[in-house]
Protein backbone atom coordinates (compact mmCIF):
# COMPACT_ATOMS: atom_id res chain seq x y z
CA MET A 1 -17.96 -99.02 10.67
CA LEU A 2 -15.98 -101.52 12.09
CA ASN A 3 -14.04 -101.92 8.97
CA LEU A 4 -13.09 -98.61 8.67
CA LEU A 5 -11.90 -98.33 12.24
CA THR A 6 -9.74 -101.06 11.48
CA ILE A 7 -8.58 -99.55 8.30
CA LEU A 8 -7.87 -95.87 9.96
CA ALA A 9 -6.25 -97.98 13.08
CA GLU A 10 -3.84 -99.52 10.54
CA ARG A 11 -3.15 -96.03 8.69
CA PHE A 12 -2.55 -94.51 11.74
CA SER A 13 0.08 -96.74 12.77
CA MET A 14 2.49 -94.89 10.20
CA ILE A 15 1.60 -91.66 11.92
CA GLY A 16 2.58 -93.44 15.24
CA LEU A 17 6.04 -94.41 13.78
CA LEU A 18 6.58 -91.05 12.72
CA ALA A 19 6.09 -89.80 16.37
CA PHE A 20 8.05 -92.24 17.80
CA VAL A 21 10.89 -91.54 15.30
CA LEU A 22 10.89 -87.93 16.12
CA SER A 23 10.64 -88.07 19.92
CA ARG A 24 14.40 -89.35 19.58
CA ALA A 25 15.42 -86.06 17.75
CA ASN A 26 17.47 -83.37 20.05
CA PHE A 27 15.24 -80.15 18.72
CA PHE A 28 11.99 -82.10 19.78
CA LYS A 29 13.47 -82.97 23.15
CA LYS A 30 14.39 -78.65 23.33
CA VAL A 31 10.41 -78.13 22.79
CA ILE A 32 9.04 -80.19 25.07
CA SER A 33 11.49 -79.30 27.57
CA ASN A 34 10.98 -75.45 26.59
CA ASN A 35 14.52 -74.63 25.88
CA VAL A 36 13.82 -73.90 22.15
CA SER A 37 14.74 -71.44 19.69
CA TYR A 38 13.32 -69.74 16.30
CA LYS A 39 14.78 -72.56 14.59
CA ASP A 40 13.28 -75.38 16.46
CA LEU A 41 10.21 -73.61 16.32
CA SER A 42 10.32 -73.40 12.89
CA ILE A 43 11.15 -77.34 12.44
CA LEU A 44 8.40 -77.92 14.51
CA ILE A 45 5.79 -76.46 12.92
CA ILE A 46 7.07 -77.84 9.59
CA ILE A 47 6.82 -81.33 10.50
CA PHE A 48 3.70 -81.16 12.38
CA SER A 49 2.21 -79.61 9.38
CA LEU A 50 3.45 -82.49 7.42
CA ILE A 51 2.13 -84.81 10.06
CA GLY A 52 -1.41 -83.01 9.29
CA ILE A 53 -1.24 -83.61 5.30
CA ILE A 54 0.55 -87.16 5.66
CA GLY A 55 -2.71 -87.84 7.58
CA THR A 56 -5.16 -86.45 5.06
CA TYR A 57 -3.53 -88.53 1.88
CA VAL A 58 -3.16 -91.66 4.10
CA GLY A 59 -6.89 -91.31 4.85
CA ILE A 60 -9.77 -93.59 3.20
CA PRO A 61 -11.92 -91.91 0.32
CA ILE A 62 -15.47 -92.17 1.39
CA ASN A 63 -18.82 -90.34 -0.86
CA GLY A 64 -17.02 -88.10 -2.00
CA ALA A 65 -14.98 -86.59 1.13
CA ILE A 66 -11.89 -88.39 3.10
CA ALA A 67 -11.90 -90.21 6.90
CA ASN A 68 -8.43 -89.32 8.01
CA SER A 69 -5.96 -88.74 10.84
CA ARG A 70 -5.42 -84.93 9.78
CA VAL A 71 -5.71 -83.62 12.97
CA VAL A 72 -3.43 -85.59 15.20
CA GLY A 73 -0.81 -83.15 13.78
CA PRO A 74 -2.45 -79.78 14.46
CA MET A 75 -3.59 -80.59 17.65
CA ILE A 76 -0.47 -82.04 18.67
CA ALA A 77 1.25 -79.16 17.66
CA GLY A 78 -1.24 -77.20 19.94
CA LEU A 79 -0.38 -79.34 22.64
CA LEU A 80 2.94 -78.56 22.74
CA GLY A 81 3.89 -75.09 21.05
CA GLY A 82 0.71 -73.07 22.84
CA PRO A 83 -2.14 -71.02 20.59
CA PHE A 84 0.18 -69.59 18.04
CA ILE A 85 1.86 -72.66 16.90
CA GLY A 86 -1.37 -74.89 17.28
CA PHE A 87 -3.39 -72.24 14.91
CA LEU A 88 -0.68 -71.95 12.52
CA VAL A 89 0.13 -75.78 11.68
CA GLY A 90 -3.66 -76.40 11.72
CA PHE A 91 -4.34 -73.63 8.86
CA ILE A 92 -1.36 -75.30 6.84
CA ALA A 93 -2.91 -78.61 7.22
CA GLY A 94 -6.44 -77.17 7.05
CA LEU A 95 -5.35 -74.83 4.01
CA HIS A 96 -3.78 -78.07 2.20
CA ARG A 97 -7.53 -80.20 2.78
CA PHE A 98 -9.02 -77.27 1.43
CA LEU A 99 -7.06 -77.05 -2.03
CA ILE A 100 -7.97 -81.34 -2.48
CA GLY A 101 -11.48 -79.93 -2.89
CA GLY A 102 -14.99 -82.09 -2.53
CA PHE A 103 -18.22 -80.94 -0.70
CA THR A 104 -16.50 -81.43 2.98
CA ALA A 105 -13.34 -79.34 1.83
CA LEU A 106 -14.54 -75.79 3.87
CA SER A 107 -15.75 -77.82 6.55
CA CYS A 108 -12.76 -79.66 7.31
CA GLY A 109 -10.17 -76.96 6.62
CA ILE A 110 -11.97 -74.86 8.93
CA SER A 111 -12.04 -77.42 11.66
CA THR A 112 -8.74 -78.47 11.46
CA THR A 113 -7.76 -75.06 12.17
CA ILE A 114 -10.36 -74.79 14.58
CA GLU A 115 -8.66 -78.10 16.42
CA GLY A 116 -5.17 -76.73 16.29
CA LEU A 117 -6.16 -74.17 18.08
CA ILE A 118 -7.98 -75.97 20.87
CA GLY A 119 -4.75 -77.97 21.31
CA GLY A 120 -2.94 -74.27 21.84
CA ILE A 121 -5.35 -73.17 24.69
CA ILE A 122 -5.31 -75.98 26.55
CA LYS A 123 -1.57 -75.71 26.67
CA LYS A 124 -2.19 -72.33 27.70
CA TYR A 125 -3.96 -73.34 30.74
CA TYR A 126 -2.43 -76.34 31.35
CA LYS A 127 1.28 -75.76 32.44
CA ASN A 128 2.96 -78.89 32.92
CA THR A 129 2.83 -81.49 29.69
CA VAL A 130 -0.54 -82.33 29.58
CA ASP A 131 -1.76 -85.80 30.39
CA TRP A 132 -2.76 -88.16 27.99
CA LYS A 133 -6.13 -88.11 29.22
CA ILE A 134 -6.64 -84.33 28.59
CA ALA A 135 -5.18 -85.09 25.09
CA PHE A 136 -7.94 -88.07 24.78
CA LEU A 137 -10.55 -85.54 25.77
CA ALA A 138 -9.35 -82.75 23.49
CA GLY A 139 -9.47 -85.34 20.54
CA ILE A 140 -13.25 -85.77 21.24
CA ILE A 141 -13.93 -82.58 21.36
CA GLY A 142 -12.32 -81.40 18.40
CA GLU A 143 -13.35 -84.21 16.36
CA THR A 144 -16.70 -83.84 17.31
CA LEU A 145 -16.39 -80.06 16.33
CA GLN A 146 -15.65 -81.18 13.17
CA MET A 147 -18.40 -83.58 12.99
CA ILE A 148 -20.94 -80.65 14.08
CA LEU A 149 -18.84 -78.27 10.93
CA ILE A 150 -19.66 -80.91 8.42
CA LEU A 151 -23.43 -80.95 9.40
CA THR A 152 -23.49 -77.10 9.59
CA ILE A 153 -21.51 -76.00 6.47
CA SER A 154 -21.30 -79.10 3.93
CA ARG A 155 -24.09 -79.55 1.21
CA PRO A 156 -26.21 -81.37 0.52
CA PHE A 157 -27.24 -81.74 4.16
CA SER A 158 -28.51 -85.63 3.51
CA SER A 159 -24.95 -86.41 2.14
CA ALA A 160 -23.08 -84.81 4.76
CA LEU A 161 -25.75 -86.76 7.55
CA SER A 162 -24.80 -89.88 5.72
CA LEU A 163 -21.07 -89.70 5.96
CA VAL A 164 -21.34 -88.39 9.38
CA LYS A 165 -22.95 -91.75 10.02
CA VAL A 166 -20.10 -93.59 8.59
CA ILE A 167 -16.85 -91.86 9.52
CA GLY A 168 -17.82 -89.98 12.57
CA LEU A 169 -17.09 -92.64 15.53
CA PRO A 170 -14.60 -94.13 13.91
CA MET A 171 -12.46 -91.13 13.45
CA ILE A 172 -13.42 -89.53 16.99
CA LEU A 173 -12.44 -92.82 18.37
CA VAL A 174 -8.91 -93.74 16.24
CA ASN A 175 -7.78 -89.94 16.27
CA SER A 176 -8.61 -89.43 20.20
CA SER A 177 -6.81 -92.36 20.73
CA GLY A 178 -3.79 -91.40 18.31
CA ILE A 179 -3.69 -88.26 20.17
CA ALA A 180 -3.06 -89.78 23.24
CA VAL A 181 -0.63 -91.88 22.38
CA PHE A 182 1.59 -89.37 21.25
CA MET A 183 1.27 -87.48 24.50
CA LEU A 184 2.45 -90.81 25.93
CA ILE A 185 5.20 -91.07 23.45
CA ILE A 186 5.99 -87.56 24.67
CA LYS A 187 6.00 -88.39 28.52
CA SER A 188 8.37 -91.18 27.78
CA VAL A 189 10.35 -88.49 26.27
CA PHE A 190 10.13 -86.41 29.85
CA ASP A 191 10.58 -89.51 31.82
CA GLU A 192 13.90 -90.36 29.78
CA ILE A 193 15.14 -86.45 29.92
CA ASP A 194 14.40 -86.58 33.94
CA ILE A 195 16.61 -89.87 34.35
CA ILE A 196 19.20 -88.53 32.25
CA GLU A 197 19.24 -85.21 34.11
CA SER A 198 19.05 -86.67 37.33
CA ARG A 199 21.79 -89.12 36.88
CA GLN A 200 24.08 -86.13 35.46
CA ALA A 201 23.00 -84.24 38.74
CA LYS A 202 24.75 -87.20 40.51
CA ILE A 203 27.44 -87.38 39.12
CA MET A 204 28.24 -83.79 39.49
CA LEU A 205 27.46 -83.68 42.83
CA ASP A 206 30.06 -86.57 43.26
CA ILE A 207 32.38 -84.93 41.30
CA THR A 208 31.82 -81.49 43.38
CA SER A 209 32.15 -83.07 46.77
CA LYS A 210 35.80 -84.91 45.83
CA THR A 211 37.04 -81.68 43.80
CA ILE A 212 36.38 -78.82 45.88
CA PRO A 213 39.16 -79.54 48.42
CA TYR A 214 41.70 -79.30 45.74
CA ILE A 215 40.15 -77.22 42.83
CA ARG A 216 40.37 -73.99 46.16
CA SER A 217 43.89 -74.61 45.53
CA GLY A 218 44.03 -72.90 42.25
CA LEU A 219 44.74 -74.50 38.62
CA ASN A 220 48.23 -75.97 38.76
CA LYS A 221 49.47 -79.32 37.95
CA ASP A 222 49.27 -81.12 40.94
CA THR A 223 45.17 -80.16 41.68
CA ALA A 224 44.69 -80.46 37.72
CA LYS A 225 46.16 -84.31 37.94
CA VAL A 226 43.84 -85.02 40.86
CA VAL A 227 40.60 -83.31 39.32
CA SER A 228 40.92 -84.97 36.27
CA GLU A 229 41.57 -88.33 37.71
CA ILE A 230 38.05 -87.70 39.83
CA ILE A 231 36.47 -86.66 36.82
CA TYR A 232 37.75 -89.57 34.49
CA GLU A 233 36.49 -92.22 36.95
CA SER A 234 32.92 -90.92 37.36
CA ILE A 235 32.23 -90.58 33.96
CA ASN A 236 32.10 -93.00 31.09
CA VAL A 237 34.83 -91.18 28.45
CA ASP A 238 38.08 -92.54 27.07
CA ALA A 239 40.28 -89.41 27.88
CA VAL A 240 39.93 -86.07 30.32
CA ALA A 241 42.56 -83.53 30.31
CA ILE A 242 42.78 -80.02 32.15
CA THR A 243 45.05 -77.29 30.65
CA ASP A 244 45.76 -73.55 31.05
CA LEU A 245 46.64 -71.15 28.01
CA LYS A 246 50.20 -72.50 27.38
CA THR A 247 50.28 -76.45 28.25
CA VAL A 248 48.48 -79.43 29.50
CA LEU A 249 48.54 -79.54 32.92
CA ALA A 250 46.80 -82.63 33.73
CA TYR A 251 45.88 -85.65 31.26
CA ILE A 252 44.58 -89.30 31.73
CA GLY A 253 43.07 -91.84 29.29
CA LEU A 254 44.58 -92.37 25.42
CA ASP A 255 47.86 -91.31 25.07
CA ASP A 256 48.19 -91.08 21.77
CA VAL A 257 45.59 -88.07 21.51
CA GLN A 258 47.41 -85.94 24.12
CA ASP A 259 49.23 -83.50 21.58
CA LYS A 260 45.23 -82.48 20.48
CA CYS A 261 45.46 -80.82 23.79
CA GLN A 262 48.63 -78.57 23.18
CA PHE A 263 47.01 -75.68 21.46
CA LEU A 264 43.87 -73.81 21.05
CA LYS A 265 42.36 -73.67 18.12
CA LYS A 266 40.71 -70.28 16.64
CA SER A 267 37.80 -71.98 16.21
CA GLU A 268 37.81 -72.55 19.89
CA ILE A 269 38.82 -69.31 20.56
CA ASN A 270 35.85 -68.37 18.98
CA ALA A 271 33.55 -70.66 20.76
CA PHE A 272 34.89 -69.69 24.34
CA ARG A 273 34.34 -65.85 23.45
CA PHE A 274 30.55 -66.33 24.02
CA LYS A 275 31.17 -68.72 26.63
CA LYS A 276 30.06 -72.07 24.42
CA VAL A 277 31.52 -75.31 24.45
CA TYR A 278 33.34 -76.53 21.41
CA VAL A 279 32.82 -79.94 19.96
CA ASP A 280 35.21 -81.57 17.18
CA HIS A 281 35.00 -84.65 15.37
CA ASN A 282 38.69 -85.57 14.29
CA LYS A 283 38.44 -88.64 11.87
CA ARG A 284 42.19 -90.95 12.26
CA GLY A 285 42.44 -93.49 9.79
CA LEU A 286 39.82 -95.65 9.62
CA GLY A 287 38.70 -94.25 13.41
CA LEU A 288 37.14 -91.21 15.11
CA LEU A 289 38.42 -89.22 17.77
CA SER A 290 35.55 -86.71 19.17
CA SER A 291 35.71 -84.32 21.80
CA VAL A 292 33.92 -81.40 23.76
CA THR A 293 36.25 -78.87 24.97
CA ALA A 294 34.51 -76.30 27.83
CA PRO A 295 36.39 -73.38 28.79
CA LEU A 296 37.71 -72.64 32.38
CA TYR A 297 36.92 -69.23 33.85
CA CYS A 298 38.14 -66.87 36.32
CA TYR A 299 35.91 -63.64 37.17
CA ASP A 300 35.29 -63.99 33.46
CA GLU A 301 39.16 -64.39 32.36
CA LEU A 302 39.83 -67.11 30.13
CA VAL A 303 42.63 -69.28 32.27
CA GLY A 304 41.96 -72.81 30.94
CA THR A 305 40.11 -75.54 29.48
CA LEU A 306 38.56 -78.69 30.27
CA LYS A 307 38.55 -81.41 27.52
CA LEU A 308 36.67 -84.66 27.23
CA PHE A 309 37.29 -87.44 24.67
CA ARG A 310 35.44 -90.61 23.00
CA LYS A 311 37.40 -92.72 20.68
CA ASN A 312 35.29 -94.11 17.30
CA LYS A 313 32.11 -92.92 18.73
CA PHE A 314 30.48 -89.31 18.89
CA VAL A 315 30.13 -87.12 22.11
CA ASN A 316 26.60 -87.14 23.06
CA SER A 317 24.46 -84.45 24.36
CA THR A 318 24.46 -86.11 28.20
CA ASP A 319 28.97 -85.47 27.44
CA ILE A 320 28.17 -81.75 26.23
CA GLU A 321 26.09 -81.00 29.12
CA VAL A 322 28.16 -82.70 31.60
CA ALA A 323 31.30 -80.79 30.37
CA LYS A 324 29.43 -77.66 30.85
CA GLY A 325 28.07 -78.37 34.43
CA LEU A 326 31.95 -79.38 34.76
CA SER A 327 33.40 -76.09 33.34
CA ASN A 328 31.11 -73.91 35.86
CA LEU A 329 31.88 -76.16 38.83
CA ILE A 330 35.54 -75.78 38.27
CA SER A 331 35.17 -71.98 37.04
CA ASN A 332 33.39 -71.13 40.54
CA GLN A 333 35.66 -73.00 42.59
CA LEU A 334 38.43 -71.10 40.91
CA GLU A 335 37.02 -67.61 41.50
CA ILE A 336 36.44 -69.06 45.23
CA ALA A 337 39.94 -69.99 45.64
CA ASP A 338 40.92 -66.77 44.40
CA ALA A 339 38.98 -65.16 46.66
CA GLU A 340 40.36 -66.63 49.66
CA ASN A 341 43.68 -66.13 48.44
CA GLN A 342 43.26 -62.46 48.59
CA LYS A 343 41.39 -62.39 51.49
CA ARG A 344 44.45 -63.99 53.36
CA ILE A 345 46.45 -62.06 51.84
CA ALA A 346 44.42 -58.72 52.77
CA ASN A 347 44.23 -60.04 56.35
CA GLU A 348 48.12 -61.05 56.72
CA MET A 349 48.62 -57.22 55.37
CA LYS A 350 46.13 -55.85 58.06
CA PHE A 351 47.77 -57.94 61.18
CA ASN A 352 51.62 -57.06 59.88
CA ALA A 353 50.49 -53.17 59.64
CA LEU A 354 48.74 -53.52 63.28
CA GLN A 355 51.58 -55.22 64.65
CA ALA A 356 53.93 -52.65 63.19
CA GLN A 357 52.22 -49.98 65.19
CA ILE A 358 51.69 -52.21 68.34
CA ASN A 359 49.57 -49.51 70.53
CA PRO A 360 52.33 -46.60 70.76
CA HIS A 361 50.78 -45.64 73.94
CA PHE A 362 50.91 -48.58 75.85
CA LEU A 363 54.74 -49.40 74.92
CA PHE A 364 55.49 -46.04 75.58
CA ASN A 365 53.74 -45.98 79.36
CA ALA A 366 55.21 -49.36 79.93
CA LEU A 367 58.79 -47.82 79.07
CA ASN A 368 58.35 -44.79 81.32
CA THR A 369 57.80 -47.35 84.10
CA VAL A 370 60.84 -49.16 83.95
CA ILE A 371 62.76 -45.94 83.87
CA SER A 372 60.63 -44.90 87.21
CA PHE A 373 61.40 -48.10 88.60
CA ILE A 374 65.31 -48.10 88.08
CA GLN A 375 65.50 -45.37 89.95
CA TYR A 376 64.17 -47.12 92.98
CA ASN A 377 63.32 -50.65 92.29
CA PRO A 378 66.07 -51.58 90.06
CA ASP A 379 65.07 -55.18 90.23
CA GLY A 380 61.51 -54.41 89.55
CA ALA A 381 62.59 -52.46 86.37
CA SER A 382 64.70 -55.45 85.15
CA LYS A 383 61.55 -58.36 85.52
CA LEU A 384 59.02 -55.38 84.21
CA LEU A 385 61.42 -55.18 81.18
CA ILE A 386 61.67 -59.03 81.09
CA THR A 387 58.04 -59.06 81.24
CA LEU A 388 57.72 -56.80 78.12
CA SER A 389 59.84 -58.11 76.19
CA GLU A 390 57.89 -61.46 76.16
CA TYR A 391 54.56 -59.85 75.74
CA LEU A 392 55.93 -58.47 72.66
CA ARG A 393 57.59 -61.37 71.42
CA ASN A 394 54.51 -63.66 72.11
CA ASN A 395 52.12 -61.17 70.17
CA LEU A 396 54.64 -61.62 67.20
CA ARG A 397 55.40 -65.03 67.45
CA TYR A 398 51.49 -65.97 67.77
CA ALA A 399 50.35 -64.13 65.17
CA GLY A 400 47.78 -66.02 62.99
CA LYS A 401 48.37 -69.24 64.95
CA TRP A 402 46.56 -71.21 67.23
CA ILE A 403 47.90 -71.63 70.57
CA MET A 404 47.45 -73.47 73.92
CA ILE A 405 44.60 -71.76 76.07
CA CYS A 406 47.44 -71.38 78.75
CA LYS A 407 49.70 -69.95 76.84
CA GLU A 408 46.64 -67.05 76.02
CA LEU A 409 46.18 -66.56 79.54
CA GLU A 410 50.69 -66.15 79.90
CA ASN A 411 50.04 -63.48 77.73
CA ILE A 412 47.49 -61.98 79.57
CA ASP A 413 49.46 -62.27 82.63
CA ALA A 414 52.12 -60.46 81.15
CA TYR A 415 49.75 -57.64 80.18
CA LEU A 416 48.03 -56.91 83.64
CA PHE A 417 51.66 -57.55 85.11
CA ILE A 418 52.76 -54.39 83.56
CA GLU A 419 49.47 -52.52 83.82
CA LYS A 420 49.44 -53.44 87.24
CA ALA A 421 52.88 -52.42 87.51
CA ARG A 422 51.83 -48.85 86.54
CA PHE A 423 48.56 -48.32 88.24
CA GLY A 424 48.73 -50.60 91.55
CA ASP A 425 45.99 -51.70 93.26
CA LYS A 426 43.21 -49.78 90.59
CA ILE A 427 43.84 -53.28 88.88
CA ASN A 428 42.42 -56.58 90.82
CA VAL A 429 42.32 -59.82 88.82
CA VAL A 430 39.96 -62.79 89.58
CA LYS A 431 40.06 -66.17 87.88
CA ASP A 432 38.00 -69.04 87.57
CA ILE A 433 39.18 -71.42 85.21
CA ASP A 434 38.60 -75.29 84.56
CA ASP A 435 42.30 -76.90 84.59
CA ASP A 436 41.30 -79.66 81.81
CA LEU A 437 40.30 -76.95 79.41
CA LEU A 438 43.99 -75.42 79.94
CA ASN A 439 45.42 -77.75 76.83
CA MET A 440 42.96 -76.88 74.53
CA TYR A 441 43.61 -74.54 71.52
CA ILE A 442 42.27 -71.32 70.12
CA PRO A 443 43.37 -68.81 67.87
CA ALA A 444 45.73 -66.08 69.35
CA LEU A 445 44.30 -63.00 71.02
CA LEU A 446 41.28 -64.48 71.41
CA ILE A 447 40.64 -63.00 75.01
CA GLN A 448 43.56 -60.74 75.39
CA PRO A 449 41.52 -58.26 73.37
CA ILE A 450 39.09 -58.60 75.17
CA VAL A 451 40.97 -58.34 78.90
CA GLU A 452 42.20 -55.00 77.51
CA ASN A 453 39.24 -53.86 76.87
CA ALA A 454 37.84 -54.33 80.38
CA VAL A 455 40.91 -52.84 81.92
CA LYS A 456 41.67 -49.89 79.46
CA HIS A 457 37.98 -48.70 78.98
CA GLY A 458 35.84 -50.63 81.76
CA ILE A 459 38.37 -50.14 85.15
CA LEU A 460 40.97 -47.38 84.53
CA PRO A 461 38.73 -44.40 83.85
CA LYS A 462 37.46 -45.03 87.48
CA ASP A 463 38.93 -43.44 90.43
CA ASN A 464 38.84 -46.23 92.46
CA GLY A 465 39.87 -48.82 89.71
CA GLY A 466 37.55 -52.21 89.78
CA THR A 467 38.56 -55.78 89.56
CA VAL A 468 38.52 -58.29 85.86
CA VAL A 469 37.30 -61.64 86.31
CA ILE A 470 38.15 -64.17 83.60
CA LYS A 471 35.90 -67.09 83.45
CA ILE A 472 36.51 -70.36 80.88
CA LYS A 473 34.52 -73.32 81.81
CA ASP A 474 33.36 -76.44 80.26
CA ASN A 475 29.89 -76.54 78.46
CA ASN A 476 29.34 -79.78 76.33
CA ASP A 477 31.27 -79.44 72.79
CA PHE A 478 32.21 -75.73 73.64
CA ILE A 479 34.52 -73.65 75.82
CA ARG A 480 32.23 -70.95 77.60
CA PHE A 481 34.33 -68.06 78.31
CA SER A 482 33.68 -65.18 80.32
CA VAL A 483 35.37 -61.33 80.85
CA GLU A 484 33.35 -59.12 83.45
CA ASP A 485 34.38 -56.23 84.96
CA ASP A 486 32.98 -53.67 87.22
CA GLY A 487 34.02 -50.20 85.42
CA GLU A 488 32.21 -47.82 83.79
CA GLY A 489 30.06 -49.82 81.40
CA ILE A 490 29.03 -48.95 77.52
CA GLU A 491 26.19 -46.66 76.67
CA TYR A 492 23.23 -48.53 75.03
CA GLU A 493 23.49 -46.73 71.66
CA MET A 494 27.15 -48.08 71.50
CA LEU A 495 26.21 -51.47 72.47
CA LYS A 496 23.97 -51.67 69.60
CA LYS A 497 27.01 -50.83 67.15
CA ILE A 498 29.76 -52.87 68.63
CA VAL A 499 29.08 -56.01 66.51
CA LYS A 500 28.66 -54.18 63.56
CA GLU A 501 31.63 -54.46 60.74
CA ASP A 502 33.76 -51.10 60.76
CA TYR A 503 32.63 -49.57 64.36
CA GLY A 504 35.40 -47.08 64.69
CA THR A 505 36.46 -46.51 68.51
CA SER A 506 39.27 -49.00 69.59
CA MET A 507 36.94 -50.57 72.37
CA GLY A 508 34.48 -51.46 69.28
CA ILE A 509 37.28 -52.84 66.77
CA GLY A 510 38.40 -54.83 69.42
CA LEU A 511 35.30 -56.81 70.22
CA HIS A 512 34.07 -56.69 66.56
CA ASN A 513 37.19 -58.35 65.79
CA VAL A 514 36.83 -61.25 68.21
CA TYR A 515 33.40 -61.78 67.69
CA GLU A 516 33.98 -61.85 63.61
CA ARG A 517 36.87 -64.55 64.26
CA ILE A 518 34.44 -66.86 66.06
CA GLN A 519 31.62 -66.13 63.69
CA SER A 520 34.37 -67.56 60.67
CA ILE A 521 35.05 -70.33 62.77
CA HIS A 522 31.68 -71.56 63.75
CA ARG A 523 28.83 -69.60 62.48
CA GLY A 524 26.05 -68.68 65.01
CA ALA A 525 27.87 -69.65 68.23
CA PHE A 526 27.12 -67.82 71.17
CA PHE A 527 28.37 -64.10 71.71
CA LYS A 528 26.49 -61.73 74.05
CA ILE A 529 27.80 -58.46 75.42
CA GLU A 530 25.69 -57.29 78.84
CA SER A 531 26.71 -54.12 79.56
CA LYS A 532 24.82 -50.85 81.85
CA LYS A 533 26.70 -47.36 82.08
CA GLY A 534 28.36 -47.30 85.60
CA HIS A 535 27.85 -50.86 86.52
CA GLY A 536 30.09 -52.63 84.02
CA THR A 537 30.61 -54.99 81.25
CA LYS A 538 30.25 -58.59 80.74
CA VAL A 539 31.64 -60.53 77.56
CA VAL A 540 30.60 -64.12 77.44
CA PHE A 541 31.01 -66.48 74.00
CA ASP A 542 31.01 -70.20 73.16
CA PHE A 543 33.94 -71.41 71.62
CA PRO A 544 34.38 -75.10 69.86
CA LYS A 545 36.56 -77.36 71.52
CA TYR A 546 40.24 -78.20 69.45
CA TYR A 547 42.63 -80.79 70.62
CA GLU A 548 45.95 -80.83 69.45
CA GLU A 549 45.41 -82.99 66.69
CA ASN A 550 42.96 -80.48 65.04
CA LYS A 551 44.84 -77.19 65.15
CA GLU A 552 46.92 -78.08 61.94
CA GLU A 553 43.72 -78.93 60.00
CA ILE A 554 42.00 -75.84 60.82
CA SER A 555 44.97 -73.20 61.43
CA SER A 556 44.75 -72.08 57.83
CA ASP A 557 41.40 -70.81 57.86
CA VAL A 558 41.82 -68.40 60.52
CA GLU A 559 41.33 -64.77 60.40
CA VAL A 560 43.67 -62.84 62.24
CA PHE A 561 42.51 -59.72 63.79
CA ASN A 562 44.25 -57.34 66.39
CA SER A 563 42.46 -55.04 69.49
CA ARG A 564 44.75 -52.59 69.24
């Protein structure tokens, strides 16, 4: 028995070597990662059927039967592919054993099929890769079942019993151990895949963090140059190129292959039509130039390509996956850049449209006030006209810009001066402002719309007018703004709708725009409206502190709204 155990172990080593070689194959890695096609499954069935058949041929003839490692192929096929694959491979290997003949042919054929099915059932209920200890136990159960079937089916019984006494324990130990070793090899492949994927993820995260600020400017020669340099320094390739549909935007690496980037091949375009990468192996004299080309899209429209080159070696699966990942990254960022550009254009058009129609009622009323002043107070009319001119000029001058709080307050004072000229003592204003905050920067027209709402919708509807209290206070890393009036107040139902998008009243639009602008700059910033019909309204919000050195850096991200 010991001698048989040793010989079986030696014979199994050939299958173990085959298992190791198999584990290096790309299709095998796809199978164990569940990224498998019907073609890959067909190859899997053929290979493991052959392993089962080879296990029979390298077996040891004993008393009209064969001590063998046939079960390894079907059992592993089941543990990898599930019940159907395990059953099919077991049936093929079992049928082959049955056709060889011998008094154990039928029992061995049936047991081989069942053992493949057992492996598949374990796979079905064991969602992850089957642990080697489970595989070892499955092998013991399968081989024990085979011995039972030999005793049950094979005749004469005395010969079957004699055979089982000789081959039972060696086959159970060797084949169970072989199945366990096979699963350990597979685990090593999984570990390798995990290492590769984590390395790729790290590379992609690194490239992403470095390229996002540039890609968001769109696809042009300047951004392509920076991005291609970052990619070249981050991954181990010999050259990197980024093209649009007509020209090479940027190239770094092997100067003598730059001409390979000039034109898109028909085969490349066909691959891109299905959003696939294109791999090319081009022999140059005695050398080899291998490349992978990935398409760059913007809203499903092909806008360019990314090319990675290797000299005197083939691009590998890692290169291909990195190219796919970079293609998706750049394509997504191009879409974001385009969306942000469209949003900026839309906001500019919106502001220009609003500025072109500055509240005509306010303007006409102000001019009428000037006309009435001319009759009995020419000096006051002159001052009022100058103030109105400054007010209108500042609204246009500061549009879309960041200004100091003191400048915003100057424009609010101009507005209040004009309104007080019309309504006199109906409008009272109280200010409580920390002087050291006056040189902080905010987007223009951030406070003014709230003050205008307080005057127009809060105080003026009241017969006796009222008071507007403007507070600007330090609040750690924020500035706390507060505009409060003792006017008409806002009904509860209207109050709930004000911060909702596209709320239609002039008051709602003004407050909603301020809210949106604050959230676009610092999402989650404190913003609160307190109001009760007949008891006034209070708008309180926090805004981050920005000093002069920050204003140019962040000005491009500001959306422009107007309350009128």
